[in-house]
C-alpha atoms as a PDB file:
ATOM      1  CA  UNK A   1     115.601  76.721 119.814  1.00  0.00           C
ATOM      2  CA  UNK A   2     117.925  74.909 117.391  1.00  0.00           C
ATOM      3  CA  UNK A   3     120.209  77.932 117.192  1.00  0.00           C
ATOM      4  CA  UNK A   4     120.398  78.130 120.991  1.00  0.00           C
ATOM      5  CA  UNK A   5     121.431  74.468 121.120  1.00  0.00           C
ATOM      6  CA  UNK A   6     123.976  75.166 118.394  1.00  0.00           C
ATOM      7  CA  UNK A   7     125.350  78.104 120.394  1.00  0.00           C
ATOM      8  CA  UNK A   8     125.869  75.826 123.412  1.00  0.00           C
ATOM      9  CA  UNK A   9     127.682  73.328 121.145  1.00  0.00           C
ATOM     10  CA  UNK A  10     129.908  76.088 119.768  1.00  0.00           C
ATOM     11  CA  UNK A  11     130.817  77.505 123.183  1.00  0.00           C
ATOM     12  CA  UNK A  12     131.599  74.011 124.506  1.00  0.00           C
ATOM     13  CA  UNK A  13     133.770  73.247 121.467  1.00  0.00           C
ATOM     14  CA  UNK A  14     135.660  76.538 121.763  1.00  0.00           C
ATOM     15  CA  UNK A  15     136.237  75.904 125.466  1.00  0.00           C
ATOM     16  CA  UNK A  16     137.457  72.363 124.767  1.00  0.00           C
ATOM     17  CA  UNK A  17     139.749  73.402 121.938  1.00  0.00           C
ATOM     18  CA  UNK A  18     141.227  76.217 123.989  1.00  0.00           C
ATOM     19  CA  UNK A  19     141.828  73.863 126.915  1.00  0.00           C
ATOM     20  CA  UNK A  20     143.410  71.328 124.551  1.00  0.00           C
ATOM     21  CA  UNK A  21     146.473  73.527 124.134  1.00  0.00           C
ATOM     22  CA  UNK A  22     146.681  73.989 127.885  1.00  0.00           C
ATOM     23  CA  UNK A  23     146.471  70.212 128.445  1.00  0.00           C
ATOM     24  CA  UNK A  24     150.028  69.909 127.095  1.00  0.00           C
ATOM     25  CA  UNK A  25     149.419  66.614 125.310  1.00  0.00           C
ATOM     26  CA  UNK A  26     146.957  65.418 127.976  1.00  0.00           C
ATOM     27  CA  UNK A  27     149.637  65.606 130.672  1.00  0.00           C
ATOM     28  CA  UNK A  28     147.815  68.204 132.794  1.00  0.00           C
ATOM     29  CA  UNK A  29     144.692  66.782 134.484  1.00  0.00           C
ATOM     30  CA  UNK A  30     142.405  69.831 134.740  1.00  0.00           C
ATOM     31  CA  UNK A  31     142.763  71.074 131.153  1.00  0.00           C
ATOM     32  CA  UNK A  32     142.474  67.456 129.967  1.00  0.00           C
ATOM     33  CA  UNK A  33     139.188  67.078 131.874  1.00  0.00           C
ATOM     34  CA  UNK A  34     137.879  70.393 130.480  1.00  0.00           C
ATOM     35  CA  UNK A  35     138.807  69.223 126.973  1.00  0.00           C
ATOM     36  CA  UNK A  36     137.041  65.858 127.310  1.00  0.00           C
ATOM     37  CA  UNK A  37     133.911  67.321 128.903  1.00  0.00           C
ATOM     38  CA  UNK A  38     133.795  70.211 126.467  1.00  0.00           C
ATOM     39  CA  UNK A  39     133.940  67.980 123.399  1.00  0.00           C
ATOM     40  CA  UNK A  40     131.338  65.633 124.907  1.00  0.00           C
ATOM     41  CA  UNK A  41     128.971  68.525 125.561  1.00  0.00           C
ATOM     42  CA  UNK A  42     129.676  70.022 122.131  1.00  0.00           C
ATOM     43  CA  UNK A  43     128.830  66.841 120.240  1.00  0.00           C
ATOM     44  CA  UNK A  44     125.768  66.141 122.373  1.00  0.00           C
ATOM     45  CA  UNK A  45     124.304  69.587 121.712  1.00  0.00           C
ATOM     46  CA  UNK A  46     125.301  69.432 118.057  1.00  0.00           C
ATOM     47  CA  UNK A  47     123.384  66.145 117.807  1.00  0.00           C
ATOM     48  CA  UNK A  48     120.319  67.838 119.297  1.00  0.00           C
ATOM     49  CA  UNK A  49     120.685  70.673 116.799  1.00  0.00           C
ATOM     50  CA  UNK A  50     120.682  68.178 113.927  1.00  0.00           C
ATOM     51  CA  UNK A  51     117.143  67.128 114.833  1.00  0.00           C
ATOM     52  CA  UNK A  52     115.992  70.436 113.351  1.00  0.00           C
ATOM     53  CA  UNK A  53     118.693  72.032 111.215  1.00  0.00           C
ATOM     54  CA  UNK A  54     120.169  70.427 108.090  1.00  0.00           C
ATOM     55  CA  UNK A  55     123.545  68.812 108.784  1.00  0.00           C
ATOM     56  CA  UNK A  56     125.528  70.882 106.273  1.00  0.00           C
ATOM     57  CA  UNK A  57     124.134  74.177 107.532  1.00  0.00           C
ATOM     58  CA  UNK A  58     124.573  73.343 111.225  1.00  0.00           C
ATOM     59  CA  UNK A  59     128.114  72.092 110.686  1.00  0.00           C
ATOM     60  CA  UNK A  60     129.073  75.114 108.584  1.00  0.00           C
ATOM     61  CA  UNK A  61     127.877  77.470 111.305  1.00  0.00           C
ATOM     62  CA  UNK A  62     129.415  75.366 114.086  1.00  0.00           C
ATOM     63  CA  UNK A  63     132.813  75.134 112.453  1.00  0.00           C
ATOM     64  CA  UNK A  64     132.870  78.670 111.023  1.00  0.00           C
ATOM     65  CA  UNK A  65     131.901  80.424 114.228  1.00  0.00           C
ATOM     66  CA  UNK A  66     134.130  78.028 116.173  1.00  0.00           C
ATOM     67  CA  UNK A  67     137.150  78.959 114.039  1.00  0.00           C
ATOM     68  CA  UNK A  68     136.589  82.639 114.683  1.00  0.00           C
ATOM     69  CA  UNK A  69     136.066  82.212 118.431  1.00  0.00           C
ATOM     70  CA  UNK A  70     139.006  79.820 118.904  1.00  0.00           C
ATOM     71  CA  UNK A  71     141.225  82.273 117.047  1.00  0.00           C
ATOM     72  CA  UNK A  72     139.957  85.147 119.192  1.00  0.00           C
ATOM     73  CA  UNK A  73     140.667  83.182 122.386  1.00  0.00           C
ATOM     74  CA  UNK A  74     144.138  82.248 121.126  1.00  0.00           C
ATOM     75  CA  UNK A  75     144.825  85.892 120.232  1.00  0.00           C
ATOM     76  CA  UNK A  76     143.502  87.353 123.498  1.00  0.00           C
ATOM     77  CA  UNK A  77     144.715  84.779 126.033  1.00  0.00           C
ATOM     78  CA  UNK A  78     147.395  82.651 124.380  1.00  0.00           C
ATOM     79  CA  UNK A  79     149.413  85.318 122.567  1.00  0.00           C
ATOM     80  CA  UNK A  80     148.706  84.138 119.001  1.00  0.00           C
ATOM     81  CA  UNK A  81     149.504  86.784 116.392  1.00  0.00           C
ATOM     82  CA  UNK A  82     147.236  87.412 113.415  1.00  0.00           C
ATOM     83  CA  UNK A  83     148.496  88.782 110.126  1.00  0.00           C
ATOM     84  CA  UNK A  84     146.408  90.458 107.436  1.00  0.00           C
ATOM     85  CA  UNK A  85     145.814  87.225 105.535  1.00  0.00           C
ATOM     86  CA  UNK A  86     144.447  85.536 108.671  1.00  0.00           C
ATOM     87  CA  UNK A  87     142.087  88.419 109.375  1.00  0.00           C
ATOM     88  CA  UNK A  88     140.865  88.542 105.770  1.00  0.00           C
ATOM     89  CA  UNK A  89     140.342  84.776 105.771  1.00  0.00           C
ATOM     90  CA  UNK A  90     138.278  84.925 108.937  1.00  0.00           C
ATOM     91  CA  UNK A  91     136.237  87.807 107.519  1.00  0.00           C
ATOM     92  CA  UNK A  92     135.455  85.572 104.533  1.00  0.00           C
ATOM     93  CA  UNK A  93     134.327  82.789 106.886  1.00  0.00           C
ATOM     94  CA  UNK A  94     131.999  85.187 108.713  1.00  0.00           C
ATOM     95  CA  UNK A  95     130.694  86.447 105.374  1.00  0.00           C
ATOM     96  CA  UNK A  96     129.972  82.894 104.249  1.00  0.00           C
ATOM     97  CA  UNK A  97     128.052  82.063 107.424  1.00  0.00           C
ATOM     98  CA  UNK A  98     126.037  85.288 107.090  1.00  0.00           C
ATOM     99  CA  UNK A  99     125.240  84.656 103.428  1.00  0.00           C
ATOM    100  CA  UNK A 100     124.014  81.158 104.244  1.00  0.00           C
ATOM    101  CA  UNK A 101     121.801  82.338 107.079  1.00  0.00           C
ATOM    102  CA  UNK A 102     120.443  85.469 105.449  1.00  0.00           C
ATOM    103  CA  UNK A 103     119.944  84.359 101.851  1.00  0.00           C
ATOM    104  CA  UNK A 104     119.815  80.554 101.665  1.00  0.00           C
ATOM    105  CA  UNK A 105     116.507  78.744 102.007  1.00  0.00           C
ATOM    106  CA  UNK A 106     118.551  75.665 103.016  1.00  0.00           C
ATOM    107  CA  UNK A 107     119.286  77.267 106.399  1.00  0.00           C
ATOM    108  CA  UNK A 108     115.626  77.211 107.422  1.00  0.00           C
ATOM    109  CA  UNK A 109     115.093  74.037 109.373  1.00  0.00           C
END
């Protein structure tokens, strides 16, 4: 259940961060509202996750997966270009999250 709550937090954070660019410095009402609600939902569900998972593990997964998804959204819908170094760096982030979850006893909450 903790990982499902964490997934909701991640999706809300990715949505909020993606809308943040569209808010144009909080000058556009709808993207600004999506940003505020998204971050509120993200932190609420992250707080629920922390009842079960260790803080460092939950935050590492939340931020690592969030980085990858925000970058994917920016690449697919906002025209961001990725060079080889960016792709390799993100692969290392994914590898780190996998290593933590597959091999670390700290990840078991």
